[in-house]
Structures are given as C-alpha cells and as structure tokens.
Amino acid sequence: MAYRDALARLGQYKWFALTAAKLAPLDAYVLKKSSGRFGLMGNYGLPQCLLTTTGRKSGQLRTVTLIYGSTQTPAGDELILVGSNFGQSHHPAWALNLEADPAAEVTIGGTATPMTARLVTDPAERERLWAIMCALWPAYNAYRGRAGREIKVFALS
C-alpha cells in the first residue's frame, strides 16, 4: 500500500499526469497481453480494466486502460469510469466514443463483459460516484481543478 499511496500523491502533479498519459497505451498493451494480470497501476492495489469502445469517427475498436470503481444500484452492480484525461483541457476520446455509442466491452482480469454506458448527469449521483472514485485515486480532485471543464463520469451496467 505504500507504493499505492506514493502513486496517489504523485498523481496530483501535472508532470506525473503527462507522463502517465504517454505510458497509457503501453499499459493497455501489457494489461491485454497478460490477460489482466499485469498493469502499471493494477499491480499496486488500483482496480484496472480495459475498456473497448467503437471510434465515433473511424468505426474502429479502441481499447484503453482505466481505473474503475463500482457501486450497487437497485438494478444491480455498475462500474464507474471517470473521463479525467489526466486533467487535460479536452475530454478523452473514449468518453466521446461512449457518448456516441454507449455499447462497450470491459475486460477485468482477462474476462471480457459487454456493457452499456450512461453519462451520469444527476448532480447528486455524480458527486456520490465522484467520491467513490476519489477514494480510489485522490488525484482526480487535482485533475478536476486543472481541467477547466466538467469531467465526465460514466456508469456501466
């Protein structure tokens, strides 16, 4: 947990976020090739998934690695994803892809599951889910302060 705590502290710095953004494609590759056993963040106590969306412009399948959370609803369990893009001023492509086509595939631990995403717009629900995600990765609050935009939050079921 000491390593995770150090990562969480470092995650708040812009230089770290920019470095992590550059490493994200490598992380997705390693996570995919290892069937979910190894990932740059997942090996240190952070829940990591592969999200596959359909490119809104290209129509091609696009896979990224993300930290995910979960919550229970009356309808069942939902996964939570945050479109922070490491605090950059623009939304990540995967978030825009989900808005265009909410059908996605989420792979956790080598098991792929088809899911449907919804953008969380209710302010109370959004803040509740935001708190869950910040408990996992406190740097989301720093990203929110830097981004200069409303960061998208998705629930997938």
C-alpha atoms as a PDB file:
ATOM      1  CA  MET A   1       0.000   0.000   0.000  1.00  0.00           C
ATOM      2  CA  ALA A   2       2.950   2.349   0.491  1.00  0.00           C
ATOM      3  CA  TYR A   3       3.607   2.279  -3.259  1.00  0.00           C
ATOM      4  CA  ARG A   4      -0.067   2.992  -3.992  1.00  0.00           C
ATOM      5  CA  ASP A   5      -0.038   5.917  -1.549  1.00  0.00           C
ATOM      6  CA  ALA A   6       3.100   7.307  -3.206  1.00  0.00           C
ATOM      7  CA  LEU A   7       1.479   6.959  -6.628  1.00  0.00           C
ATOM      8  CA  ALA A   8      -1.636   8.745  -5.371  1.00  0.00           C
ATOM      9  CA  ARG A   9       0.476  11.659  -4.120  1.00  0.00           C
ATOM     10  CA  LEU A  10       2.491  11.824  -7.339  1.00  0.00           C
ATOM     11  CA  GLY A  11      -0.695  11.601  -9.411  1.00  0.00           C
ATOM     12  CA  GLN A  12      -1.629  15.108  -8.325  1.00  0.00           C
ATOM     13  CA  TYR A  13       1.368  16.662 -10.104  1.00  0.00           C
ATOM     14  CA  LYS A  14       0.976  17.758 -13.697  1.00  0.00           C
ATOM     15  CA  TRP A  15       4.323  16.272 -14.790  1.00  0.00           C
ATOM     16  CA  PHE A  16       3.258  12.863 -13.448  1.00  0.00           C
ATOM     17  CA  ALA A  17      -0.117  13.044 -15.181  1.00  0.00           C
ATOM     18  CA  LEU A  18       1.524  13.937 -18.502  1.00  0.00           C
ATOM     19  CA  THR A  19       3.985  11.048 -18.130  1.00  0.00           C
ATOM     20  CA  ALA A  20       1.161   8.644 -17.257  1.00  0.00           C
ATOM     21  CA  ALA A  21      -0.789   9.814 -20.310  1.00  0.00           C
ATOM     22  CA  LYS A  22       2.187   8.936 -22.523  1.00  0.00           C
ATOM     23  CA  LEU A  23       2.502   5.500 -20.877  1.00  0.00           C
ATOM     24  CA  ALA A  24      -1.223   4.669 -21.073  1.00  0.00           C
ATOM     25  CA  PRO A  25      -1.031   2.895 -24.474  1.00  0.00           C
ATOM     26  CA  LEU A  26       1.822   0.717 -23.185  1.00  0.00           C
ATOM     27  CA  ASP A  27      -0.183  -0.047 -20.053  1.00  0.00           C
ATOM     28  CA  ALA A  28      -3.184  -1.124 -22.156  1.00  0.00           C
ATOM     29  CA  TYR A  29      -0.938  -3.353 -24.261  1.00  0.00           C
ATOM     30  CA  VAL A  30       0.653  -5.046 -21.219  1.00  0.00           C
ATOM     31  CA  LEU A  31      -2.712  -5.484 -19.491  1.00  0.00           C
ATOM     32  CA  LYS A  32      -4.222  -7.014 -22.639  1.00  0.00           C
ATOM     33  CA  LYS A  33      -1.289  -9.351 -23.342  1.00  0.00           C
ATOM     34  CA  SER A  34      -1.134 -10.551 -19.737  1.00  0.00           C
ATOM     35  CA  SER A  35      -4.896 -11.262 -19.606  1.00  0.00           C
ATOM     36  CA  GLY A  36      -5.284  -8.652 -16.892  1.00  0.00           C
ATOM     37  CA  ARG A  37      -2.558  -9.996 -14.597  1.00  0.00           C
ATOM     38  CA  PHE A  38      -0.139  -7.083 -15.007  1.00  0.00           C
ATOM     39  CA  GLY A  39      -0.685  -3.361 -15.394  1.00  0.00           C
ATOM     40  CA  LEU A  40       1.233  -0.292 -14.353  1.00  0.00           C
ATOM     41  CA  MET A  41      -1.394   0.716 -11.782  1.00  0.00           C
ATOM     42  CA  GLY A  42      -3.297  -2.515 -11.146  1.00  0.00           C
ATOM     43  CA  ASN A  43      -0.312  -4.268  -9.594  1.00  0.00           C
ATOM     44  CA  TYR A  44      -0.346  -1.702  -6.809  1.00  0.00           C
ATOM     45  CA  GLY A  45      -3.880  -2.025  -5.500  1.00  0.00           C
ATOM     46  CA  LEU A  46      -5.741   0.098  -8.032  1.00  0.00           C
ATOM     47  CA  PRO A  47      -8.578  -1.668  -9.865  1.00  0.00           C
ATOM     48  CA  GLN A  48      -7.769  -1.538 -13.553  1.00  0.00           C
ATOM     49  CA  CYS A  49      -9.834  -2.512 -16.574  1.00  0.00           C
ATOM     50  CA  LEU A  50      -9.598  -2.454 -20.326  1.00  0.00           C
ATOM     51  CA  LEU A  51     -12.404  -0.500 -21.965  1.00  0.00           C
ATOM     52  CA  THR A  52     -13.122  -1.136 -25.633  1.00  0.00           C
ATOM     53  CA  THR A  53     -15.309   1.367 -27.455  1.00  0.00           C
ATOM     54  CA  THR A  54     -16.154   1.986 -31.091  1.00  0.00           C
ATOM     55  CA  GLY A  55     -14.437   5.050 -32.511  1.00  0.00           C
ATOM     56  CA  ARG A  56     -17.057   7.677 -33.240  1.00  0.00           C
ATOM     57  CA  LYS A  57     -15.258   8.820 -36.398  1.00  0.00           C
ATOM     58  CA  SER A  58     -13.336   5.737 -37.539  1.00  0.00           C
ATOM     59  CA  GLY A  59     -15.749   2.984 -36.526  1.00  0.00           C
ATOM     60  CA  GLN A  60     -12.680   1.037 -35.338  1.00  0.00           C
ATOM     61  CA  LEU A  61     -12.493  -0.676 -31.966  1.00  0.00           C
ATOM     62  CA  ARG A  62     -10.414   1.341 -29.486  1.00  0.00           C
ATOM     63  CA  THR A  63      -9.063  -0.065 -26.212  1.00  0.00           C
ATOM     64  CA  VAL A  64      -7.753   1.924 -23.243  1.00  0.00           C
ATOM     65  CA  THR A  65      -6.813   1.050 -19.688  1.00  0.00           C
ATOM     66  CA  LEU A  66      -8.637   2.829 -16.879  1.00  0.00           C
ATOM     67  CA  ILE A  67      -9.061   2.815 -13.132  1.00  0.00           C
ATOM     68  CA  TYR A  68     -12.592   1.717 -12.327  1.00  0.00           C
ATOM     69  CA  GLY A  69     -14.849   1.770  -9.313  1.00  0.00           C
ATOM     70  CA  SER A  70     -18.097   0.024  -8.595  1.00  0.00           C
ATOM     71  CA  THR A  71     -21.390   0.762  -6.925  1.00  0.00           C
ATOM     72  CA  GLN A  72     -24.587  -1.095  -6.220  1.00  0.00           C
ATOM     73  CA  THR A  73     -27.927   0.117  -7.514  1.00  0.00           C
ATOM     74  CA  PRO A  74     -31.406  -1.364  -7.259  1.00  0.00           C
ATOM     75  CA  ALA A  75     -30.905  -2.626 -10.825  1.00  0.00           C
ATOM     76  CA  GLY A  76     -27.573  -4.309  -9.968  1.00  0.00           C
ATOM     77  CA  ASP A  77     -23.882  -3.512  -9.873  1.00  0.00           C
ATOM     78  CA  GLU A  78     -22.435  -0.739 -12.017  1.00  0.00           C
ATOM     79  CA  LEU A  79     -18.856   0.102 -12.923  1.00  0.00           C
ATOM     80  CA  ILE A  80     -17.762   3.716 -12.632  1.00  0.00           C
ATOM     81  CA  LEU A  81     -15.360   5.375 -15.067  1.00  0.00           C
ATOM     82  CA  VAL A  82     -14.034   8.934 -14.900  1.00  0.00           C
ATOM     83  CA  GLY A  83     -13.100  10.810 -18.083  1.00  0.00           C
ATOM     84  CA  SER A  84     -10.384  12.872 -16.433  1.00  0.00           C
ATOM     85  CA  ASN A  85      -7.821  12.582 -19.237  1.00  0.00           C
ATOM     86  CA  PHE A  86      -5.202  13.246 -16.536  1.00  0.00           C
ATOM     87  CA  GLY A  87      -6.577  16.761 -16.040  1.00  0.00           C
ATOM     88  CA  GLN A  88      -6.110  17.872 -19.642  1.00  0.00           C
ATOM     89  CA  SER A  89      -8.448  20.525 -21.018  1.00  0.00           C
ATOM     90  CA  HIS A  90     -10.099  18.150 -23.505  1.00  0.00           C
ATOM     91  CA  HIS A  91     -12.200  15.051 -22.945  1.00  0.00           C
ATOM     92  CA  PRO A  92     -10.601  11.669 -23.634  1.00  0.00           C
ATOM     93  CA  ALA A  93     -11.592  10.037 -26.918  1.00  0.00           C
ATOM     94  CA  TRP A  94     -13.074   7.027 -25.132  1.00  0.00           C
ATOM     95  CA  ALA A  95     -15.580   9.273 -23.302  1.00  0.00           C
ATOM     96  CA  LEU A  96     -16.696  10.896 -26.543  1.00  0.00           C
ATOM     97  CA  ASN A  97     -16.929   7.439 -28.117  1.00  0.00           C
ATOM     98  CA  LEU A  98     -19.216   6.252 -25.290  1.00  0.00           C
ATOM     99  CA  GLU A  99     -21.450   9.274 -25.746  1.00  0.00           C
ATOM    100  CA  ALA A 100     -21.769   8.480 -29.458  1.00  0.00           C
ATOM    101  CA  ASP A 101     -22.265   4.731 -28.883  1.00  0.00           C
ATOM    102  CA  PRO A 102     -22.811   3.531 -25.302  1.00  0.00           C
ATOM    103  CA  ALA A 103     -22.110  -0.118 -26.165  1.00  0.00           C
ATOM    104  CA  ALA A 104     -18.706  -1.149 -24.806  1.00  0.00           C
ATOM    105  CA  GLU A 105     -16.709  -4.118 -23.649  1.00  0.00           C
ATOM    106  CA  VAL A 106     -14.988  -4.091 -20.264  1.00  0.00           C
ATOM    107  CA  THR A 107     -12.238  -6.589 -19.524  1.00  0.00           C
ATOM    108  CA  ILE A 108     -11.270  -7.237 -15.920  1.00  0.00           C
ATOM    109  CA  GLY A 109      -8.796  -9.951 -15.008  1.00  0.00           C
ATOM    110  CA  GLY A 110      -8.896 -11.350 -18.536  1.00  0.00           C
ATOM    111  CA  THR A 111     -12.709 -11.679 -18.606  1.00  0.00           C
ATOM    112  CA  ALA A 112     -14.493  -9.536 -21.178  1.00  0.00           C
ATOM    113  CA  THR A 113     -18.054  -8.394 -20.498  1.00  0.00           C
ATOM    114  CA  PRO A 114     -20.305  -6.433 -22.862  1.00  0.00           C
ATOM    115  CA  MET A 115     -21.730  -3.399 -21.084  1.00  0.00           C
ATOM    116  CA  THR A 116     -23.798  -0.315 -21.755  1.00  0.00           C
ATOM    117  CA  ALA A 117     -22.621   3.077 -20.541  1.00  0.00           C
ATOM    118  CA  ARG A 118     -24.609   6.064 -19.411  1.00  0.00           C
ATOM    119  CA  LEU A 119     -23.295   9.524 -18.778  1.00  0.00           C
ATOM    120  CA  VAL A 120     -24.105  10.486 -15.196  1.00  0.00           C
ATOM    121  CA  THR A 121     -25.812  13.885 -15.270  1.00  0.00           C
ATOM    122  CA  ASP A 122     -27.730  13.985 -11.979  1.00  0.00           C
ATOM    123  CA  PRO A 123     -25.591  16.243  -9.740  1.00  0.00           C
ATOM    124  CA  ALA A 124     -26.179  14.252  -6.536  1.00  0.00           C
ATOM    125  CA  GLU A 125     -25.402  10.909  -8.178  1.00  0.00           C
ATOM    126  CA  ARG A 126     -22.392  12.406  -9.925  1.00  0.00           C
ATOM    127  CA  GLU A 127     -20.912  13.681  -6.658  1.00  0.00           C
ATOM    128  CA  ARG A 128     -21.588  10.352  -4.922  1.00  0.00           C
ATOM    129  CA  LEU A 129     -19.763   8.467  -7.683  1.00  0.00           C
ATOM    130  CA  TRP A 130     -17.005  11.097  -7.766  1.00  0.00           C
ATOM    131  CA  ALA A 131     -16.382  10.498  -4.038  1.00  0.00           C
ATOM    132  CA  ILE A 132     -16.101   6.740  -4.638  1.00  0.00           C
ATOM    133  CA  MET A 133     -13.541   7.306  -7.384  1.00  0.00           C
ATOM    134  CA  CYS A 134     -11.541   9.866  -5.390  1.00  0.00           C
ATOM    135  CA  ALA A 135     -11.263   7.353  -2.557  1.00  0.00           C
ATOM    136  CA  LEU A 136      -9.507   5.079  -5.065  1.00  0.00           C
ATOM    137  CA  TRP A 137      -7.449   7.763  -6.809  1.00  0.00           C
ATOM    138  CA  PRO A 138      -7.279  11.107  -4.926  1.00  0.00           C
ATOM    139  CA  ALA A 139      -5.558  12.748  -7.900  1.00  0.00           C
ATOM    140  CA  TYR A 140      -8.970  13.034  -9.587  1.00  0.00           C
ATOM    141  CA  ASN A 141      -9.542  16.139  -7.445  1.00  0.00           C
ATOM    142  CA  ALA A 142      -6.338  17.695  -8.800  1.00  0.00           C
ATOM    143  CA  TYR A 143      -7.395  16.759 -12.339  1.00  0.00           C
ATOM    144  CA  ARG A 144     -10.770  18.424 -11.756  1.00  0.00           C
ATOM    145  CA  GLY A 145      -9.057  21.625 -10.664  1.00  0.00           C
ATOM    146  CA  ARG A 146      -6.709  21.649 -13.667  1.00  0.00           C
ATOM    147  CA  ALA A 147      -9.042  20.555 -16.450  1.00  0.00           C
ATOM    148  CA  GLY A 148     -11.109  23.731 -16.753  1.00  0.00           C
ATOM    149  CA  ARG A 149     -14.094  21.601 -17.838  1.00  0.00           C
ATOM    150  CA  GLU A 150     -16.654  19.332 -16.264  1.00  0.00           C
ATOM    151  CA  ILE A 151     -15.104  15.879 -16.144  1.00  0.00           C
ATOM    152  CA  LYS A 152     -17.447  13.206 -17.460  1.00  0.00           C
ATOM    153  CA  VAL A 153     -18.478  10.366 -15.162  1.00  0.00           C
ATOM    154  CA  PHE A 154     -19.961   7.177 -16.616  1.00  0.00           C
ATOM    155  CA  ALA A 155     -21.821   4.273 -15.042  1.00  0.00           C
ATOM    156  CA  LEU A 156     -21.701   0.995 -16.960  1.00  0.00           C
ATOM    157  CA  SER A 157     -24.043  -1.934 -16.486  1.00  0.00           C
END
